[in-house]
Protein backbone atom coordinates (compact mmCIF):
# COMPACT_ATOMS: atom_id res chain seq x y z
CA MET A 1 21.34 19.38 -30.31
CA ALA A 2 18.91 21.83 -28.39
CA ALA A 3 16.14 19.60 -29.56
CA SER A 4 17.95 16.47 -28.32
CA ASN A 5 18.39 18.17 -24.91
CA THR A 6 14.80 18.90 -24.81
CA ILE A 7 14.07 15.21 -25.36
CA VAL A 8 16.36 14.06 -22.66
CA GLY A 9 14.98 16.81 -20.22
CA THR A 10 11.37 15.79 -21.11
CA ILE A 11 11.91 12.13 -20.54
CA ASN A 12 13.52 12.53 -17.15
CA PHE A 13 10.82 15.08 -16.22
CA ILE A 14 8.28 12.47 -17.18
CA THR A 15 10.18 10.02 -14.92
CA LEU A 16 10.15 12.60 -12.04
CA LEU A 17 6.37 12.79 -12.51
CA LEU A 18 6.02 9.02 -12.29
CA SER A 19 7.60 8.98 -8.87
CA ILE A 20 4.74 10.95 -7.53
CA PRO A 21 2.09 8.28 -7.55
CA ILE A 22 4.52 5.82 -6.03
CA ILE A 23 5.45 8.29 -3.06
CA GLY A 24 1.74 9.27 -2.89
CA ALA A 25 0.76 5.73 -2.47
CA GLY A 26 3.11 5.17 0.23
CA ILE A 27 1.99 8.38 2.05
CA TRP A 28 -1.67 7.36 1.52
CA LEU A 29 -0.93 4.06 3.17
CA ALA A 30 0.98 5.60 6.07
CA ASN A 31 -2.00 7.60 6.66
CA GLU A 32 -4.52 4.74 6.93
CA PRO A 33 -5.07 3.39 10.50
CA ASP A 34 -4.60 -0.21 9.60
CA ASN A 35 -1.48 0.23 7.55
CA SER A 36 0.04 2.80 9.87
CA CYS A 37 -0.14 0.01 12.54
CA VAL A 38 1.41 -2.67 10.62
CA LYS A 39 3.98 -0.82 8.79
CA ILE A 40 4.72 -3.19 5.84
CA LEU A 41 4.20 -1.51 2.52
CA GLN A 42 4.29 2.17 2.92
CA TRP A 43 7.96 2.89 3.55
CA PRO A 44 9.27 0.61 0.73
CA LEU A 45 6.96 2.57 -1.68
CA ILE A 46 8.32 5.98 -0.55
CA ILE A 47 11.86 4.97 -0.56
CA LEU A 48 11.32 3.53 -4.18
CA GLY A 49 9.60 6.60 -5.35
CA ILE A 50 12.39 8.96 -3.98
CA SER A 51 15.04 6.80 -5.53
CA ILE A 52 13.56 6.91 -8.86
CA SER A 53 13.20 10.68 -8.70
CA VAL A 54 16.95 11.00 -7.66
CA VAL A 55 18.02 8.73 -10.51
CA ALA A 56 15.89 10.66 -13.02
CA LEU A 57 17.82 13.84 -12.06
CA LEU A 58 21.12 11.99 -12.56
CA GLY A 59 19.83 11.04 -16.05
CA PHE A 60 18.86 14.82 -16.73
CA VAL A 61 22.29 15.99 -15.73
CA GLY A 62 24.25 13.21 -17.55
CA GLY A 63 22.13 13.64 -20.78
CA CYS A 64 22.31 17.52 -20.95
CA TRP A 65 26.03 17.67 -20.23
CA ARG A 66 26.98 14.49 -21.86
CA ILE A 67 28.74 12.96 -18.84
CA THR A 68 29.05 9.51 -19.97
CA TRP A 69 29.71 7.77 -16.57
CA LEU A 70 26.59 9.48 -15.07
CA LEU A 71 24.60 8.19 -17.94
CA ILE A 72 25.75 4.76 -17.24
CA VAL A 73 24.85 5.16 -13.58
CA TYR A 74 21.57 6.41 -14.54
CA LEU A 75 20.92 3.44 -17.01
CA VAL A 76 22.10 0.73 -14.57
CA ALA A 77 20.38 2.33 -11.50
CA MET A 78 17.09 2.84 -13.20
CA PHE A 79 17.09 -0.76 -14.67
CA ILE A 80 17.59 -2.12 -11.13
CA LEU A 81 14.84 0.05 -9.66
CA ILE A 82 12.45 -1.02 -12.52
CA VAL A 83 13.12 -4.68 -11.86
CA LEU A 84 12.58 -4.12 -7.92
CA PHE A 85 9.46 -2.18 -8.73
CA ALA A 86 8.22 -5.11 -11.02
CA CYS A 87 9.07 -7.64 -8.22
CA LEU A 88 7.08 -5.38 -5.75
CA VAL A 89 4.00 -5.22 -8.11
CA VAL A 90 4.01 -9.08 -8.60
CA LEU A 91 4.50 -9.72 -4.92
CA ILE A 92 1.60 -7.49 -3.88
CA TYR A 93 -0.61 -9.28 -6.41
CA LEU A 94 0.43 -12.72 -5.13
CA ILE A 95 -0.27 -11.96 -1.44
CA THR A 96 -3.52 -10.15 -2.09
CA ASN A 97 -5.29 -12.73 -4.45
CA LYS A 98 -6.98 -14.44 -1.52
CA GLY A 99 -9.42 -13.21 1.15
CA ALA A 100 -12.66 -12.99 -0.59
CA GLY A 101 -14.53 -13.60 2.59
CA HIS A 102 -17.89 -15.37 3.17
CA PRO A 103 -21.47 -14.06 4.05
CA ALA A 104 -22.12 -13.61 7.73
CA PRO A 105 -25.32 -15.24 9.03
CA GLY A 106 -28.18 -12.64 9.23
CA ARG A 107 -25.96 -9.88 8.17
CA THR A 108 -25.38 -7.77 4.97
CA TYR A 109 -21.65 -7.92 5.08
CA LEU A 110 -18.86 -10.39 4.63
CA GLU A 111 -16.79 -11.96 7.49
CA HIS A 112 -13.20 -13.33 7.04
CA ASP A 113 -11.35 -16.09 8.48
CA LEU A 114 -7.48 -16.07 8.89
CA ASP A 115 -7.35 -19.05 6.53
CA ASP A 116 -8.77 -16.92 3.79
CA PHE A 117 -5.52 -15.21 3.40
CA SER A 118 -1.87 -15.99 2.22
CA GLY A 119 0.49 -17.54 4.69
CA TRP A 120 2.76 -14.45 4.30
CA LEU A 121 -0.07 -12.21 5.55
CA ARG A 122 -1.02 -14.38 8.36
CA ARG A 123 2.56 -14.60 9.76
CA LYS A 124 2.38 -10.82 10.10
CA VAL A 125 -0.22 -11.19 12.75
CA ALA A 126 0.38 -14.65 14.11
CA SER A 127 3.20 -13.63 16.67
CA PRO A 128 1.72 -12.60 19.99
CA TYR A 129 4.39 -9.90 20.34
CA LYS A 130 3.47 -8.42 16.80
CA TRP A 131 -0.23 -8.75 17.41
CA ASN A 132 0.04 -7.02 20.89
CA ARG A 133 1.77 -4.06 19.31
CA ILE A 134 -0.62 -3.90 16.38
CA ARG A 135 -3.70 -4.31 18.71
CA ALA A 136 -2.40 -1.40 21.09
CA CYS A 137 -2.10 0.79 17.98
CA LEU A 138 -5.49 -0.07 16.58
CA ASN A 139 -7.06 0.44 19.93
CA SER A 140 -5.62 3.92 20.04
CA THR A 141 -7.60 4.89 17.04
CA ASP A 142 -11.30 6.03 16.86
CA MET A 143 -12.47 3.36 14.41
CA CYS A 144 -14.72 1.71 17.07
CA SER A 145 -15.80 4.66 19.21
CA GLU A 146 -17.07 6.65 16.23
CA LEU A 147 -19.55 3.91 15.54
CA ASN A 148 -21.43 4.76 18.59
CA GLN A 149 -21.69 8.40 17.73
CA ARG A 150 -22.60 7.77 14.14
CA TYR A 151 -25.26 4.92 14.45
CA ARG A 152 -27.93 5.33 17.13
CA ILE A 153 -30.48 2.93 15.68
CA ALA A 154 -29.84 -0.77 15.26
CA GLN A 155 -31.16 -0.84 11.69
CA ASP A 156 -28.93 1.94 10.47
CA PHE A 157 -25.98 0.04 12.05
CA PHE A 158 -26.77 -3.26 10.41
CA ASN A 159 -27.35 -1.55 6.98
CA ALA A 160 -24.15 0.53 7.24
CA ARG A 161 -21.03 -0.20 5.09
CA LEU A 162 -18.49 -0.55 7.53
CA THR A 163 -14.84 -1.59 6.98
CA SER A 164 -13.82 -5.07 7.48
CA ILE A 165 -11.59 -4.17 10.34
CA GLN A 166 -14.48 -2.44 12.07
CA TYR A 167 -16.62 -5.60 11.62
CA GLY A 168 -13.83 -7.88 12.89
CA CYS A 169 -12.59 -5.82 15.93
CA CYS A 170 -15.47 -3.69 17.08
CA MET A 171 -18.22 -6.18 17.30
CA PRO A 172 -18.57 -9.95 18.13
CA PRO A 173 -19.03 -12.35 15.18
CA ALA A 174 -22.55 -12.85 13.93
CA GLU A 175 -22.38 -16.62 14.64
CA CYS A 176 -21.94 -15.89 18.51
CA GLY A 177 -25.72 -14.79 18.75
CA TYR A 178 -25.10 -11.61 20.78
CA THR A 179 -27.90 -9.06 21.29
CA TYR A 180 -27.27 -5.58 19.89
CA ILE A 181 -27.50 -2.66 22.45
CA ASN A 182 -25.24 -0.18 20.62
CA PRO A 183 -22.40 -0.84 18.01
CA THR A 184 -19.87 -1.81 20.77
CA TYR A 185 -22.03 -3.04 23.45
CA TRP A 186 -23.72 -6.50 23.18
CA LEU A 187 -25.76 -8.74 25.39
CA THR A 188 -24.15 -12.14 25.97
CA PRO A 189 -26.25 -15.12 24.82
CA ASN A 190 -26.68 -18.16 27.07
CA ASN A 191 -24.42 -20.23 24.82
CA THR A 192 -21.33 -18.62 23.58
CA ALA A 193 -19.45 -21.76 22.51
CA ALA A 194 -19.78 -21.36 18.79
CA SER A 195 -16.03 -20.23 18.53
CA MET A 196 -13.17 -19.00 20.63
CA ASP A 197 -13.93 -15.46 19.37
CA CYS A 198 -17.34 -15.63 21.18
CA LEU A 199 -15.49 -16.14 24.43
CA GLN A 200 -12.89 -13.49 23.65
CA TRP A 201 -15.51 -10.70 23.10
CA SER A 202 -15.74 -8.12 25.93
CA ASN A 203 -18.00 -5.02 26.36
CA ASP A 204 -14.93 -3.32 27.89
CA GLN A 205 -14.35 -0.66 25.36
CA MET A 206 -10.59 -1.13 25.58
CA GLN A 207 -10.82 -4.80 24.73
CA LEU A 208 -14.05 -5.47 22.60
CA CYS A 209 -12.85 -8.10 20.03
CA PHE A 210 -9.19 -6.90 19.65
CA HIS A 211 -8.09 -10.28 20.89
CA CYS A 212 -10.32 -12.14 18.42
CA ASP A 213 -9.03 -13.83 15.30
CA SER A 214 -11.89 -12.10 13.44
CA CYS A 215 -10.07 -8.83 14.30
CA LYS A 216 -6.82 -10.06 12.78
CA ALA A 217 -8.70 -11.33 9.69
CA GLY A 218 -10.51 -7.95 9.54
CA LEU A 219 -7.20 -6.28 9.54
CA LEU A 220 -5.82 -8.40 6.78
CA ALA A 221 -9.04 -7.88 4.64
CA ASN A 222 -8.54 -4.20 4.93
CA LEU A 223 -4.76 -4.39 4.07
CA THR A 224 -5.69 -6.59 1.03
CA LYS A 225 -8.34 -4.24 -0.24
CA GLU A 226 -5.95 -1.22 0.04
CA TRP A 227 -3.14 -2.91 -1.52
CA ARG A 228 -5.13 -4.16 -4.42
CA SER A 229 -6.14 -0.51 -5.18
CA VAL A 230 -2.48 0.52 -4.79
CA ASP A 231 -1.14 -2.36 -6.89
CA ILE A 232 -3.43 -1.14 -9.91
CA ILE A 233 -1.73 2.28 -9.71
CA LEU A 234 1.70 0.88 -9.52
CA LEU A 235 1.18 -1.47 -12.43
CA ILE A 236 0.05 1.34 -14.60
CA THR A 237 2.94 3.49 -13.29
CA LEU A 238 5.49 0.56 -14.01
CA VAL A 239 4.26 0.16 -17.53
CA VAL A 240 4.74 3.94 -18.44
CA LEU A 241 8.03 3.86 -16.58
CA ILE A 242 9.29 0.95 -18.71
CA CYS A 243 8.32 2.76 -21.83
CA VAL A 244 9.99 5.89 -20.85
CA TYR A 245 13.21 4.13 -19.80
CA LEU A 246 13.48 2.50 -23.07
CA ILE A 247 13.08 5.82 -25.02
CA GLY A 248 15.53 7.28 -22.39
CA PHE A 249 17.90 4.42 -23.10
CA CYS A 250 18.04 5.17 -26.84
CA CYS A 251 18.48 8.81 -26.39
CA ALA A 252 21.31 8.24 -23.56
CA LEU A 253 23.26 6.10 -26.17
CA ARG A 254 23.04 8.93 -28.85
CA LYS A 255 23.80 11.73 -26.24
CA SER A 256 26.95 9.75 -24.96
CA LYS A 257 28.57 9.68 -28.53
CA PRO A 258 30.19 12.98 -29.28
CA GLY A 259 29.35 14.37 -32.70
CA ASP A 260 30.14 17.30 -34.98
CA GLY A 261 27.01 19.17 -33.85
CA ASP A 262 27.91 19.04 -30.23
CA THR A 263 26.84 22.34 -28.49
CA SER A 264 26.74 21.28 -24.89
CA PRO A 265 28.06 23.72 -22.44
CA ARG A 266 31.35 21.86 -21.88
CA ARG A 267 31.99 21.46 -25.59
CA ASN A 268 31.34 25.13 -26.22
CA LYS A 269 33.94 26.05 -23.49
CA GLU A 270 36.57 23.79 -24.88
CA ASN A 271 36.05 25.38 -28.41
CA THR A 272 36.60 28.88 -27.07
């Protein structure tokens, strides 16, 4: 029976470990400037990871001390969490399978349009109230000001690997034909009617292109890229968690049945 207790303890310890990448993914997203301003995915991940760790502890206690009702709570709660986890993984995949972008004229990077992304993501930045809050948050970061310190020469800037949100928010779209002075200061061409974003651009360091649709698209492109990376980690974690749960389910059924070899603390106390 000691070996059986060890198996139950090991299974739930592994489950506890599996909650770490889930919580870690949420914390990582919370510390990324774009995700910290939008606040969509990080807290569901953190709450899900904490819930899995708590339920794993319940399974450990119920398995080692043969508390049948606690094992039932563990099995039902973990099943529900796995279903929610799977739904979250699928949802992330569905809303991030678009947004490939298109080559910018005369540039080495990709530009993005709002139409490149799923309707669910577009709605997150469509409301003026929501976007004003997000824009103020993005503007408070140093993602644009750091470009002036890092790139002094135009060629270095155009060859740099910037983030999509920096391309969209910190500089005018390439189609506008602005002349480069520094990463966040551009000379206005004679004709800026290529798109509404060309008119929205301002050399005011507090405005830049934060009112542009290209900024919204750049934000969504950044979110999509980061969420895809997180989704791969979550998918691997989900597969392992399902395997561990199935093993734990079988062990829990065996542990919940009293046998002649019962040496749990409660049984020993009754025998004495």
